[in-house]
Structures are given as structure tokens and as C-alpha cells.
PDB file of N, CA and C in Angstrom:
ATOM      1  N   MET A   1       1.759  15.443   7.143  1.00  0.00           N
ATOM      2  CA  MET A   1       2.045  14.386   6.245  1.00  0.00           C
ATOM      3  C   MET A   1       2.292  13.170   6.983  1.00  0.00           C
ATOM      4  N   ALA A   2       2.857  13.249   8.202  1.00  0.00           N
ATOM      5  CA  ALA A   2       3.169  12.153   8.978  1.00  0.00           C
ATOM      6  C   ALA A   2       1.970  11.218   9.344  1.00  0.00           C
ATOM      7  N   ARG A   3       0.837  11.908   9.590  1.00  0.00           N
ATOM      8  CA  ARG A   3      -0.383  11.125   9.980  1.00  0.00           C
ATOM      9  C   ARG A   3      -0.936  10.346   8.758  1.00  0.00           C
ATOM     10  N   SER A   4      -1.018  10.976   7.662  1.00  0.00           N
ATOM     11  CA  SER A   4      -1.588  10.333   6.460  1.00  0.00           C
ATOM     12  C   SER A   4      -0.573   9.312   5.968  1.00  0.00           C
ATOM     13  N   TYR A   5       0.626   9.452   6.136  1.00  0.00           N
ATOM     14  CA  TYR A   5       1.636   8.438   5.708  1.00  0.00           C
ATOM     15  C   TYR A   5       1.458   7.232   6.656  1.00  0.00           C
ATOM     16  N   PHE A   6       1.341   7.490   7.974  1.00  0.00           N
ATOM     17  CA  PHE A   6       1.176   6.399   8.849  1.00  0.00           C
ATOM     18  C   PHE A   6      -0.025   5.490   8.564  1.00  0.00           C
ATOM     19  N   TRP A   7      -1.092   6.154   8.315  1.00  0.00           N
ATOM     20  CA  TRP A   7      -2.354   5.356   7.975  1.00  0.00           C
ATOM     21  C   TRP A   7      -2.285   4.580   6.727  1.00  0.00           C
ATOM     22  N   THR A   8      -1.608   5.181   5.674  1.00  0.00           N
ATOM     23  CA  THR A   8      -1.478   4.455   4.498  1.00  0.00           C
ATOM     24  C   THR A   8      -0.517   3.285   4.600  1.00  0.00           C
ATOM     25  N   LEU A   9       0.545   3.496   5.355  1.00  0.00           N
ATOM     26  CA  LEU A   9       1.542   2.506   5.655  1.00  0.00           C
ATOM     27  C   LEU A   9       0.840   1.348   6.389  1.00  0.00           C
ATOM     28  N   LEU A  10       0.056   1.669   7.405  1.00  0.00           N
ATOM     29  CA  LEU A  10      -0.675   0.697   8.205  1.00  0.00           C
ATOM     30  C   LEU A  10      -1.613  -0.207   7.310  1.00  0.00           C
ATOM     31  N   PHE A  11      -2.343   0.499   6.568  1.00  0.00           N
ATOM     32  CA  PHE A  11      -3.342  -0.230   5.730  1.00  0.00           C
ATOM     33  C   PHE A  11      -2.662  -1.079   4.673  1.00  0.00           C
ATOM     34  N   LEU A  12      -1.575  -0.654   4.153  1.00  0.00           N
ATOM     35  CA  LEU A  12      -0.762  -1.458   3.214  1.00  0.00           C
ATOM     36  C   LEU A  12      -0.291  -2.722   3.874  1.00  0.00           C
ATOM     37  N   ILE A  13       0.333  -2.566   5.072  1.00  0.00           N
ATOM     38  CA  ILE A  13       0.796  -3.732   5.793  1.00  0.00           C
ATOM     39  C   ILE A  13      -0.245  -4.691   6.169  1.00  0.00           C
ATOM     40  N   LEU A  14      -1.406  -4.135   6.578  1.00  0.00           N
ATOM     41  CA  LEU A  14      -2.602  -5.073   6.945  1.00  0.00           C
ATOM     42  C   LEU A  14      -3.069  -5.771   5.676  1.00  0.00           C
ATOM     43  N   HIS A  15      -2.990  -5.012   4.542  1.00  0.00           N
ATOM     44  CA  HIS A  15      -3.444  -5.675   3.300  1.00  0.00           C
ATOM     45  C   HIS A  15      -2.465  -6.844   2.957  1.00  0.00           C
ATOM     46  N   GLN A  16      -1.175  -6.637   3.207  1.00  0.00           N
ATOM     47  CA  GLN A  16      -0.195  -7.730   2.859  1.00  0.00           C
ATOM     48  C   GLN A  16      -0.413  -8.899   3.800  1.00  0.00           C
ATOM     49  N   ILE A  17      -0.807  -8.645   5.041  1.00  0.00           N
ATOM     50  CA  ILE A  17      -1.157  -9.793   5.945  1.00  0.00           C
ATOM     51  C   ILE A  17      -2.317 -10.564   5.385  1.00  0.00           C
ATOM     52  N   ASP A  18      -3.306  -9.853   4.954  1.00  0.00           N
ATOM     53  CA  ASP A  18      -4.510 -10.450   4.343  1.00  0.00           C
ATOM     54  C   ASP A  18      -4.130 -11.136   3.121  1.00  0.00           C
ATOM     55  N   ALA A  19      -3.217 -10.565   2.349  1.00  0.00           N
ATOM     56  CA  ALA A  19      -2.846 -11.097   1.027  1.00  0.00           C
ATOM     57  C   ALA A  19      -2.183 -12.532   1.263  1.00  0.00           C
ATOM     58  N   ALA A  20      -1.445 -12.686   2.331  1.00  0.00           N
ATOM     59  CA  ALA A  20      -0.878 -14.003   2.678  1.00  0.00           C
ATOM     60  C   ALA A  20      -2.013 -15.046   2.828  1.00  0.00           C
ATOM     61  N   TYR A  21      -3.084 -14.643   3.506  1.00  0.00           N
ATOM     62  CA  TYR A  21      -4.256 -15.526   3.657  1.00  0.00           C
ATOM     63  C   TYR A  21      -4.801 -16.014   2.226  1.00  0.00           C
ATOM     64  N   TRP A  22      -4.934 -15.002   1.367  1.00  0.00           N
ATOM     65  CA  TRP A  22      -5.541 -15.234   0.106  1.00  0.00           C
ATOM     66  C   TRP A  22      -4.566 -15.772  -0.942  1.00  0.00           C
ATOM     67  N   LYS A  23      -3.293 -16.058  -0.510  1.00  0.00           N
ATOM     68  CA  LYS A  23      -2.264 -16.508  -1.428  1.00  0.00           C
ATOM     69  C   LYS A  23      -2.191 -15.674  -2.711  1.00  0.00           C
ATOM     70  N   GLU A  24      -1.970 -14.361  -2.428  1.00  0.00           N
ATOM     71  CA  GLU A  24      -1.901 -13.464  -3.550  1.00  0.00           C
ATOM     72  C   GLU A  24      -0.819 -13.657  -4.531  1.00  0.00           C
ATOM     73  N   TRP A  25       0.222 -14.410  -4.205  1.00  0.00           N
ATOM     74  CA  TRP A  25       1.278 -14.757  -5.076  1.00  0.00           C
ATOM     75  C   TRP A  25       0.738 -15.632  -6.285  1.00  0.00           C
ATOM     76  N   GLU A  26      -0.317 -16.388  -5.996  1.00  0.00           N
ATOM     77  CA  GLU A  26      -0.957 -17.155  -7.009  1.00  0.00           C
ATOM     78  C   GLU A  26      -1.752 -16.302  -8.028  1.00  0.00           C
ATOM     79  N   MET A  27      -2.345 -15.243  -7.539  1.00  0.00           N
ATOM     80  CA  MET A  27      -3.120 -14.296  -8.365  1.00  0.00           C
ATOM     81  C   MET A  27      -2.168 -13.565  -9.325  1.00  0.00           C
ATOM     82  N   PHE A  28      -0.943 -13.247  -8.901  1.00  0.00           N
ATOM     83  CA  PHE A  28       0.012 -12.572  -9.754  1.00  0.00           C
ATOM     84  C   PHE A  28       0.958 -13.472 -10.403  1.00  0.00           C
ATOM     85  N   TYR A  29       0.787 -14.739 -10.275  1.00  0.00           N
ATOM     86  CA  TYR A  29       1.704 -15.749 -10.896  1.00  0.00           C
ATOM     87  C   TYR A  29       3.226 -15.387 -10.509  1.00  0.00           C
ATOM     88  N   LEU A  30       3.356 -15.019  -9.199  1.00  0.00           N
ATOM     89  CA  LEU A  30       4.665 -14.604  -8.773  1.00  0.00           C
ATOM     90  C   LEU A  30       5.650 -15.745  -8.748  1.00  0.00           C
ATOM     91  N   PRO A  31       6.823 -15.575  -9.432  1.00  0.00           N
ATOM     92  CA  PRO A  31       7.849 -16.673  -9.438  1.00  0.00           C
ATOM     93  C   PRO A  31       8.310 -16.880  -7.986  1.00  0.00           C
ATOM     94  N   GLY A  32       8.474 -18.136  -7.677  1.00  0.00           N
ATOM     95  CA  GLY A  32       8.907 -18.495  -6.307  1.00  0.00           C
ATOM     96  C   GLY A  32       7.834 -18.714  -5.312  1.00  0.00           C
ATOM     97  N   GLY A  33       6.586 -18.485  -5.776  1.00  0.00           N
ATOM     98  CA  GLY A  33       5.448 -18.690  -4.890  1.00  0.00           C
ATOM     99  C   GLY A  33       5.508 -17.838  -3.586  1.00  0.00           C
ATOM    100  N   VAL A  34       5.277 -18.516  -2.468  1.00  0.00           N
ATOM    101  CA  VAL A  34       5.255 -17.703  -1.178  1.00  0.00           C
ATOM    102  C   VAL A  34       6.628 -17.133  -0.914  1.00  0.00           C
ATOM    103  N   GLN A  35       7.696 -17.767  -1.315  1.00  0.00           N
ATOM    104  CA  GLN A  35       9.023 -17.238  -1.063  1.00  0.00           C
ATOM    105  C   GLN A  35       9.266 -15.906  -1.856  1.00  0.00           C
ATOM    106  N   GLY A  36       8.800 -15.940  -3.112  1.00  0.00           N
ATOM    107  CA  GLY A  36       8.791 -14.624  -3.921  1.00  0.00           C
ATOM    108  C   GLY A  36       7.993 -13.557  -3.258  1.00  0.00           C
ATOM    109  N   PHE A  37       6.858 -13.960  -2.764  1.00  0.00           N
ATOM    110  CA  PHE A  37       5.928 -13.002  -2.062  1.00  0.00           C
ATOM    111  C   PHE A  37       6.603 -12.427  -0.837  1.00  0.00           C
ATOM    112  N   LEU A  38       7.309 -13.232  -0.025  1.00  0.00           N
ATOM    113  CA  LEU A  38       8.059 -12.724   1.169  1.00  0.00           C
ATOM    114  C   LEU A  38       9.190 -11.861   0.713  1.00  0.00           C
ATOM    115  N   VAL A  39       9.987 -12.204  -0.306  1.00  0.00           N
ATOM    116  CA  VAL A  39      11.020 -11.299  -0.793  1.00  0.00           C
ATOM    117  C   VAL A  39      10.466  -9.941  -1.230  1.00  0.00           C
ATOM    118  N   PHE A  40       9.351  -9.952  -2.013  1.00  0.00           N
ATOM    119  CA  PHE A  40       8.681  -8.718  -2.374  1.00  0.00           C
ATOM    120  C   PHE A  40       8.287  -7.892  -1.157  1.00  0.00           C
ATOM    121  N   ASN A  41       7.689  -8.526  -0.143  1.00  0.00           N
ATOM    122  CA  ASN A  41       7.264  -7.700   0.957  1.00  0.00           C
ATOM    123  C   ASN A  41       8.428  -7.333   1.842  1.00  0.00           C
ATOM    124  N   MET A  42       9.485  -8.009   1.902  1.00  0.00           N
ATOM    125  CA  MET A  42      10.696  -7.569   2.592  1.00  0.00           C
ATOM    126  C   MET A  42      11.124  -6.227   1.989  1.00  0.00           C
ATOM    127  N   ALA A  43      11.235  -6.236   0.733  1.00  0.00           N
ATOM    128  CA  ALA A  43      11.674  -5.028   0.022  1.00  0.00           C
ATOM    129  C   ALA A  43      10.649  -3.871   0.132  1.00  0.00           C
ATOM    130  N   ALA A  44       9.408  -4.151  -0.124  1.00  0.00           N
ATOM    131  CA  ALA A  44       8.396  -3.093  -0.169  1.00  0.00           C
ATOM    132  C   ALA A  44       8.176  -2.523   1.200  1.00  0.00           C
ATOM    133  N   ILE A  45       8.194  -3.350   2.239  1.00  0.00           N
ATOM    134  CA  ILE A  45       7.952  -2.856   3.672  1.00  0.00           C
ATOM    135  C   ILE A  45       9.136  -2.070   4.043  1.00  0.00           C
ATOM    136  N   ALA A  46      10.355  -2.486   3.700  1.00  0.00           N
ATOM    137  CA  ALA A  46      11.550  -1.756   4.091  1.00  0.00           C
ATOM    138  C   ALA A  46      11.441  -0.298   3.398  1.00  0.00           C
ATOM    139  N   VAL A  47      11.021  -0.237   2.217  1.00  0.00           N
ATOM    140  CA  VAL A  47      10.971   1.125   1.463  1.00  0.00           C
ATOM    141  C   VAL A  47       9.926   1.998   2.187  1.00  0.00           C
ATOM    142  N   VAL A  48       8.743   1.521   2.509  1.00  0.00           N
ATOM    143  CA  VAL A  48       7.740   2.311   3.104  1.00  0.00           C
ATOM    144  C   VAL A  48       8.125   2.676   4.487  1.00  0.00           C
ATOM    145  N   LEU A  49       8.747   1.825   5.211  1.00  0.00           N
ATOM    146  CA  LEU A  49       9.259   2.102   6.645  1.00  0.00           C
ATOM    147  C   LEU A  49      10.345   3.168   6.525  1.00  0.00           C
ATOM    148  N   ALA A  50      11.215   3.068   5.583  1.00  0.00           N
ATOM    149  CA  ALA A  50      12.336   4.062   5.448  1.00  0.00           C
ATOM    150  C   ALA A  50      11.682   5.365   5.119  1.00  0.00           C
ATOM    151  N   GLY A  51      10.673   5.377   4.212  1.00  0.00           N
ATOM    152  CA  GLY A  51       9.948   6.546   3.784  1.00  0.00           C
ATOM    153  C   GLY A  51       9.339   7.226   4.960  1.00  0.00           C
ATOM    154  N   TYR A  52       8.717   6.439   5.883  1.00  0.00           N
ATOM    155  CA  TYR A  52       8.087   7.024   7.112  1.00  0.00           C
ATOM    156  C   TYR A  52       9.147   7.742   7.956  1.00  0.00           C
ATOM    157  N   ARG A  53      10.286   7.216   8.100  1.00  0.00           N
ATOM    158  CA  ARG A  53      11.412   7.829   8.811  1.00  0.00           C
ATOM    159  C   ARG A  53      11.707   9.198   8.086  1.00  0.00           C
ATOM    160  N   HIS A  54      11.830   9.229   6.806  1.00  0.00           N
ATOM    161  CA  HIS A  54      12.087  10.459   6.116  1.00  0.00           C
ATOM    162  C   HIS A  54      11.000  11.481   6.355  1.00  0.00           C
ATOM    163  N   VAL A  55       9.726  11.047   6.354  1.00  0.00           N
ATOM    164  CA  VAL A  55       8.654  11.914   6.637  1.00  0.00           C
ATOM    165  C   VAL A  55       8.749  12.519   7.998  1.00  0.00           C
ATOM    166  N   LEU A  56       9.051  11.639   9.014  1.00  0.00           N
ATOM    167  CA  LEU A  56       9.069  12.127  10.387  1.00  0.00           C
ATOM    168  C   LEU A  56      10.202  13.125  10.601  1.00  0.00           C
ATOM    169  N   LEU A  57      11.324  12.879   9.921  1.00  0.00           N
ATOM    170  CA  LEU A  57      12.499  13.762  10.044  1.00  0.00           C
ATOM    171  C   LEU A  57      12.439  15.020   9.102  1.00  0.00           C
ATOM    172  N   GLY A  58      11.500  14.993   8.169  1.00  0.00           N
ATOM    173  CA  GLY A  58      11.337  16.104   7.252  1.00  0.00           C
ATOM    174  C   GLY A  58      12.484  16.264   6.346  1.00  0.00           C
ATOM    175  N   THR A  59      13.080  15.169   5.846  1.00  0.00           N
ATOM    176  CA  THR A  59      14.140  15.255   4.930  1.00  0.00           C
ATOM    177  C   THR A  59      13.684  15.705   3.471  1.00  0.00           C
ATOM    178  N   ARG A  60      14.651  15.977   2.646  1.00  0.00           N
ATOM    179  CA  ARG A  60      14.355  16.294   1.280  1.00  0.00           C
ATOM    180  C   ARG A  60      13.581  15.239   0.487  1.00  0.00           C
ATOM    181  N   GLN A  61      13.809  14.014   0.822  1.00  0.00           N
ATOM    182  CA  GLN A  61      13.220  12.887   0.189  1.00  0.00           C
ATOM    183  C   GLN A  61      11.816  12.568   0.692  1.00  0.00           C
ATOM    184  N   ALA A  62      11.377  13.225   1.744  1.00  0.00           N
ATOM    185  CA  ALA A  62      10.127  12.860   2.386  1.00  0.00           C
ATOM    186  C   ALA A  62       8.928  12.866   1.383  1.00  0.00           C
ATOM    187  N   ARG A  63       8.809  13.929   0.534  1.00  0.00           N
ATOM    188  CA  ARG A  63       7.645  13.982  -0.354  1.00  0.00           C
ATOM    189  C   ARG A  63       7.732  12.842  -1.361  1.00  0.00           C
ATOM    190  N   ARG A  64       8.952  12.501  -1.833  1.00  0.00           N
ATOM    191  CA  ARG A  64       9.137  11.462  -2.832  1.00  0.00           C
ATOM    192  C   ARG A  64       8.671  10.119  -2.252  1.00  0.00           C
ATOM    193  N   TYR A  65       9.088   9.842  -1.013  1.00  0.00           N
ATOM    194  CA  TYR A  65       8.684   8.620  -0.423  1.00  0.00           C
ATOM    195  C   TYR A  65       7.153   8.632  -0.144  1.00  0.00           C
ATOM    196  N   ALA A  66       6.628   9.768   0.223  1.00  0.00           N
ATOM    197  CA  ALA A  66       5.159   9.933   0.370  1.00  0.00           C
ATOM    198  C   ALA A  66       4.390   9.634  -0.883  1.00  0.00           C
ATOM    199  N   ALA A  67       4.867  10.155  -2.012  1.00  0.00           N
ATOM    200  CA  ALA A  67       4.269   9.936  -3.290  1.00  0.00           C
ATOM    201  C   ALA A  67       4.257   8.429  -3.622  1.00  0.00           C
ATOM    202  N   VAL A  68       5.398   7.724  -3.306  1.00  0.00           N
ATOM    203  CA  VAL A  68       5.472   6.328  -3.595  1.00  0.00           C
ATOM    204  C   VAL A  68       4.469   5.548  -2.706  1.00  0.00           C
ATOM    205  N   CYS A  69       4.385   5.898  -1.399  1.00  0.00           N
ATOM    206  CA  CYS A  69       3.453   5.230  -0.486  1.00  0.00           C
ATOM    207  C   CYS A  69       2.007   5.536  -0.940  1.00  0.00           C
ATOM    208  N   ALA A  70       1.740   6.720  -1.359  1.00  0.00           N
ATOM    209  CA  ALA A  70       0.351   7.030  -1.688  1.00  0.00           C
ATOM    210  C   ALA A  70       0.043   6.267  -3.002  1.00  0.00           C
ATOM    211  N   ALA A  71       0.950   6.181  -3.964  1.00  0.00           N
ATOM    212  CA  ALA A  71       0.750   5.428  -5.188  1.00  0.00           C
ATOM    213  C   ALA A  71       0.476   3.933  -4.861  1.00  0.00           C
ATOM    214  N   LEU A  72       1.193   3.326  -3.880  1.00  0.00           N
ATOM    215  CA  LEU A  72       0.963   1.989  -3.508  1.00  0.00           C
ATOM    216  C   LEU A  72      -0.405   1.803  -2.949  1.00  0.00           C
ATOM    217  N   GLY A  73      -0.822   2.728  -2.150  1.00  0.00           N
ATOM    218  CA  GLY A  73      -2.205   2.614  -1.565  1.00  0.00           C
ATOM    219  C   GLY A  73      -3.271   2.709  -2.591  1.00  0.00           C
ATOM    220  N   MET A  74      -3.169   3.725  -3.533  1.00  0.00           N
ATOM    221  CA  MET A  74      -4.190   3.876  -4.527  1.00  0.00           C
ATOM    222  C   MET A  74      -4.045   2.661  -5.583  1.00  0.00           C
ATOM    223  N   GLY A  75      -2.867   2.259  -5.815  1.00  0.00           N
ATOM    224  CA  GLY A  75      -2.601   1.174  -6.829  1.00  0.00           C
ATOM    225  C   GLY A  75      -3.144  -0.194  -6.279  1.00  0.00           C
ATOM    226  N   THR A  76      -3.079  -0.412  -4.877  1.00  0.00           N
ATOM    227  CA  THR A  76      -3.638  -1.587  -4.290  1.00  0.00           C
ATOM    228  C   THR A  76      -5.093  -1.653  -4.570  1.00  0.00           C
ATOM    229  N   PHE A  77      -5.812  -0.575  -4.417  1.00  0.00           N
ATOM    230  CA  PHE A  77      -7.265  -0.463  -4.706  1.00  0.00           C
ATOM    231  C   PHE A  77      -7.480  -0.774  -6.163  1.00  0.00           C
ATOM    232  N   ALA A  78      -6.790  -0.101  -7.056  1.00  0.00           N
ATOM    233  CA  ALA A  78      -6.983  -0.236  -8.489  1.00  0.00           C
ATOM    234  C   ALA A  78      -6.801  -1.729  -8.914  1.00  0.00           C
ATOM    235  N   ILE A  79      -5.697  -2.256  -8.510  1.00  0.00           N
ATOM    236  CA  ILE A  79      -5.380  -3.686  -8.859  1.00  0.00           C
ATOM    237  C   ILE A  79      -6.561  -4.650  -8.418  1.00  0.00           C
ATOM    238  N   HIS A  80      -6.919  -4.464  -7.147  1.00  0.00           N
ATOM    239  CA  HIS A  80      -7.926  -5.362  -6.635  1.00  0.00           C
ATOM    240  C   HIS A  80      -9.292  -5.086  -7.134  1.00  0.00           C
ATOM    241  N   ALA A  81      -9.619  -3.884  -7.494  1.00  0.00           N
ATOM    242  CA  ALA A  81     -10.838  -3.584  -8.173  1.00  0.00           C
ATOM    243  C   ALA A  81     -10.885  -4.403  -9.507  1.00  0.00           C
ATOM    244  N   GLY A  82      -9.767  -4.326 -10.226  1.00  0.00           N
ATOM    245  CA  GLY A  82      -9.645  -5.048 -11.544  1.00  0.00           C
ATOM    246  C   GLY A  82      -9.775  -6.570 -11.327  1.00  0.00           C
ATOM    247  N   PHE A  83      -9.181  -7.106 -10.216  1.00  0.00           N
ATOM    248  CA  PHE A  83      -9.368  -8.486  -9.946  1.00  0.00           C
ATOM    249  C   PHE A  83     -10.890  -8.851  -9.640  1.00  0.00           C
ATOM    250  N   ALA A  84     -11.553  -7.963  -8.912  1.00  0.00           N
ATOM    251  CA  ALA A  84     -12.946  -8.227  -8.569  1.00  0.00           C
ATOM    252  C   ALA A  84     -13.768  -8.135  -9.872  1.00  0.00           C
ATOM    253  N   LEU A  85     -13.475  -7.185 -10.696  1.00  0.00           N
ATOM    254  CA  LEU A  85     -14.241  -7.098 -12.014  1.00  0.00           C
ATOM    255  C   LEU A  85     -13.982  -8.286 -12.881  1.00  0.00           C
ATOM    256  N   ALA A  86     -12.785  -8.852 -12.736  1.00  0.00           N
ATOM    257  CA  ALA A  86     -12.431 -10.048 -13.589  1.00  0.00           C
ATOM    258  C   ALA A  86     -13.064 -11.285 -12.951  1.00  0.00           C
ATOM    259  N   GLY A  87     -13.756 -11.261 -11.757  1.00  0.00           N
ATOM    260  CA  GLY A  87     -14.445 -12.341 -11.241  1.00  0.00           C
ATOM    261  C   GLY A  87     -13.647 -13.170 -10.207  1.00  0.00           C
ATOM    262  N   LEU A  88     -12.452 -12.764  -9.788  1.00  0.00           N
ATOM    263  CA  LEU A  88     -11.700 -13.446  -8.814  1.00  0.00           C
ATOM    264  C   LEU A  88     -12.388 -13.403  -7.504  1.00  0.00           C
ATOM    265  N   ALA A  89     -12.367 -14.464  -6.783  1.00  0.00           N
ATOM    266  CA  ALA A  89     -13.096 -14.611  -5.508  1.00  0.00           C
ATOM    267  C   ALA A  89     -12.355 -14.162  -4.301  1.00  0.00           C
ATOM    268  N   GLN A  90     -11.005 -13.919  -4.427  1.00  0.00           N
ATOM    269  CA  GLN A  90     -10.274 -13.541  -3.292  1.00  0.00           C
ATOM    270  C   GLN A  90     -10.592 -12.122  -2.796  1.00  0.00           C
ATOM    271  N   PHE A  91     -10.313 -11.856  -1.539  1.00  0.00           N
ATOM    272  CA  PHE A  91     -10.528 -10.558  -0.974  1.00  0.00           C
ATOM    273  C   PHE A  91     -11.997 -10.062  -0.924  1.00  0.00           C
ATOM    274  N   HIS A  92     -12.912 -11.115  -0.755  1.00  0.00           N
ATOM    275  CA  HIS A  92     -14.275 -10.782  -0.757  1.00  0.00           C
ATOM    276  C   HIS A  92     -14.900 -10.550   0.652  1.00  0.00           C
ATOM    277  N   LEU A  93     -14.107 -10.908   1.642  1.00  0.00           N
ATOM    278  CA  LEU A  93     -14.662 -10.782   3.013  1.00  0.00           C
ATOM    279  C   LEU A  93     -14.701  -9.287   3.407  1.00  0.00           C
ATOM    280  N   PRO A  94     -15.613  -8.888   4.280  1.00  0.00           N
ATOM    281  CA  PRO A  94     -15.915  -7.437   4.574  1.00  0.00           C
ATOM    282  C   PRO A  94     -14.588  -6.747   4.987  1.00  0.00           C
ATOM    283  N   LEU A  95     -13.805  -7.303   5.914  1.00  0.00           N
ATOM    284  CA  LEU A  95     -12.609  -6.578   6.338  1.00  0.00           C
ATOM    285  C   LEU A  95     -11.547  -6.496   5.223  1.00  0.00           C
ATOM    286  N   SER A  96     -11.457  -7.540   4.329  1.00  0.00           N
ATOM    287  CA  SER A  96     -10.553  -7.493   3.235  1.00  0.00           C
ATOM    288  C   SER A  96     -10.956  -6.308   2.335  1.00  0.00           C
ATOM    289  N   ILE A  97     -12.198  -6.187   2.070  1.00  0.00           N
ATOM    290  CA  ILE A  97     -12.697  -5.127   1.181  1.00  0.00           C
ATOM    291  C   ILE A  97     -12.469  -3.754   1.912  1.00  0.00           C
ATOM    292  N   ALA A  98     -12.775  -3.674   3.166  1.00  0.00           N
ATOM    293  CA  ALA A  98     -12.598  -2.480   3.981  1.00  0.00           C
ATOM    294  C   ALA A  98     -11.091  -2.053   3.890  1.00  0.00           C
ATOM    295  N   ILE A  99     -10.235  -2.915   4.061  1.00  0.00           N
ATOM    296  CA  ILE A  99      -8.765  -2.513   4.143  1.00  0.00           C
ATOM    297  C   ILE A  99      -8.355  -1.998   2.715  1.00  0.00           C
ATOM    298  N   ILE A 100      -8.834  -2.646   1.678  1.00  0.00           N
ATOM    299  CA  ILE A 100      -8.508  -2.228   0.314  1.00  0.00           C
ATOM    300  C   ILE A 100      -9.088  -0.853   0.045  1.00  0.00           C
ATOM    301  N   VAL A 101     -10.320  -0.570   0.480  1.00  0.00           N
ATOM    302  CA  VAL A 101     -10.933   0.738   0.391  1.00  0.00           C
ATOM    303  C   VAL A 101     -10.153   1.794   1.201  1.00  0.00           C
ATOM    304  N   LEU A 102      -9.712   1.364   2.371  1.00  0.00           N
ATOM    305  CA  LEU A 102      -8.935   2.300   3.235  1.00  0.00           C
ATOM    306  C   LEU A 102      -7.591   2.532   2.641  1.00  0.00           C
ATOM    307  N   CYS A 103      -6.977   1.668   1.887  1.00  0.00           N
ATOM    308  CA  CYS A 103      -5.810   1.932   1.159  1.00  0.00           C
ATOM    309  C   CYS A 103      -5.952   3.039   0.187  1.00  0.00           C
ATOM    310  N   LEU A 104      -7.092   3.004  -0.545  1.00  0.00           N
ATOM    311  CA  LEU A 104      -7.434   4.053  -1.467  1.00  0.00           C
ATOM    312  C   LEU A 104      -7.638   5.433  -0.725  1.00  0.00           C
ATOM    313  N   GLY A 105      -8.419   5.433   0.250  1.00  0.00           N
ATOM    314  CA  GLY A 105      -8.731   6.617   0.927  1.00  0.00           C
ATOM    315  C   GLY A 105      -7.523   7.290   1.568  1.00  0.00           C
ATOM    316  N   SER A 106      -6.675   6.424   2.263  1.00  0.00           N
ATOM    317  CA  SER A 106      -5.495   6.986   2.883  1.00  0.00           C
ATOM    318  C   SER A 106      -4.412   7.451   1.858  1.00  0.00           C
ATOM    319  N   GLY A 107      -4.388   6.612   0.750  1.00  0.00           N
ATOM    320  CA  GLY A 107      -3.534   7.028  -0.366  1.00  0.00           C
ATOM    321  C   GLY A 107      -3.879   8.399  -1.013  1.00  0.00           C
ATOM    322  N   LEU A 108      -5.208   8.583  -1.131  1.00  0.00           N
ATOM    323  CA  LEU A 108      -5.664   9.949  -1.619  1.00  0.00           C
ATOM    324  C   LEU A 108      -5.341  11.035  -0.627  1.00  0.00           C
ATOM    325  N   TRP A 109      -5.641  10.771   0.663  1.00  0.00           N
ATOM    326  CA  TRP A 109      -5.252  11.733   1.745  1.00  0.00           C
ATOM    327  C   TRP A 109      -3.792  12.049   1.725  1.00  0.00           C
ATOM    328  N   LEU A 110      -2.992  11.027   1.659  1.00  0.00           N
ATOM    329  CA  LEU A 110      -1.531  11.276   1.595  1.00  0.00           C
ATOM    330  C   LEU A 110      -1.138  12.068   0.339  1.00  0.00           C
ATOM    331  N   THR A 111      -1.753  11.812  -0.777  1.00  0.00           N
ATOM    332  CA  THR A 111      -1.482  12.620  -2.003  1.00  0.00           C
ATOM    333  C   THR A 111      -1.788  14.059  -1.771  1.00  0.00           C
ATOM    334  N   ILE A 112      -2.914  14.342  -1.254  1.00  0.00           N
ATOM    335  CA  ILE A 112      -3.383  15.726  -1.006  1.00  0.00           C
ATOM    336  C   ILE A 112      -2.415  16.366  -0.025  1.00  0.00           C
ATOM    337  N   THR A 113      -2.035  15.680   1.092  1.00  0.00           N
ATOM    338  CA  THR A 113      -1.174  16.210   2.045  1.00  0.00           C
ATOM    339  C   THR A 113       0.209  16.488   1.480  1.00  0.00           C
ATOM    340  N   CYS A 114       0.668  15.640   0.597  1.00  0.00           N
ATOM    341  CA  CYS A 114       1.917  15.789  -0.083  1.00  0.00           C
ATOM    342  C   CYS A 114       1.928  17.032  -0.982  1.00  0.00           C
ATOM    343  N   ILE A 115       0.843  17.195  -1.699  1.00  0.00           N
ATOM    344  CA  ILE A 115       0.681  18.383  -2.626  1.00  0.00           C
ATOM    345  C   ILE A 115       0.618  19.633  -1.745  1.00  0.00           C
ATOM    346  N   GLN A 116      -0.115  19.662  -0.663  1.00  0.00           N
ATOM    347  CA  GLN A 116      -0.182  20.814   0.171  1.00  0.00           C
ATOM    348  C   GLN A 116       1.153  21.172   0.791  1.00  0.00           C
ATOM    349  N   SER A 117       1.919  20.087   1.200  1.00  0.00           N
ATOM    350  CA  SER A 117       3.216  20.410   1.789  1.00  0.00           C
ATOM    351  C   SER A 117       4.196  20.993   0.795  1.00  0.00           C
ATOM    352  N   SER A 118       3.990  20.659  -0.515  1.00  0.00           N
ATOM    353  CA  SER A 118       4.896  21.174  -1.454  1.00  0.00           C
ATOM    354  C   SER A 118       4.667  22.700  -1.795  1.00  0.00           C
ATOM    355  N   LYS A 119       3.465  23.125  -1.425  1.00  0.00           N
ATOM    356  CA  LYS A 119       3.158  24.530  -1.637  1.00  0.00           C
ATOM    357  C   LYS A 119       3.642  25.420  -0.523  1.00  0.00           C
ATOM    358  N   GLN A 120       4.081  24.820   0.499  1.00  0.00           N
ATOM    359  CA  GLN A 120       4.566  25.631   1.662  1.00  0.00           C
ATOM    360  C   GLN A 120       5.962  25.900   1.635  1.00  0.00           C
TER     361      GLN A 120
END
């Protein structure tokens, strides 16, 4: 589970770096603009990093954090697919698209790994 969590975490962080370029806070009408975006990311990144620690240490909460991280990866894809279908022009560069697709792939991988670990 540590490997799939790592890759999902990495792609989520890369997406948030890309999101700063595209001014994602404007797409979500986030209160506080870039400041609200930074506060959100401070909290979200802290949670997924703490979750990675739980996964590495094999704590009771590891699968719960893994499920949250996986949902964030798959949700990132779903949200941005919706934006693309709605005609928004952001995130249309090849690497932006690739990172969003990789969020989905790694999120699915983490979900499968999480389910398999619960059966052991």
C-alpha cells in the first residue's frame, strides 16, 4: 500500500502545483482567492502526508487514510473531467492532462491495494 499511496500523493501534489498556475481558486469560486487556495492546500497536504506516515507505520488508521487519498485522486479526475466537458480551457496542456489521468490511475491502484490489504 505504501507504493500506491506514495504515487497518488505525488500526483495530487503535482496537480496542486499545476492548479496554482491555472488559478484553480477562480474555477471553484473559492472565498479568499489565492489565500483560500493556500489554506485549503495547507490542510489537504497535511492530511495526506500524515496519512502516508500511518501507511508506512502500518497503524490502524492506515487504510482509512489510504481510502481518503485514493478518493482525492479519483475525485480530482472526476472534477476536472467535468470542467473539461463544461468547456473550461484550464488544464488543457499535455502534462496537466497526464497528471490528472495519473491521479485517477494511482487512486484506483491505491483503492485496489487498500481492499487487498483489508482481506489479509
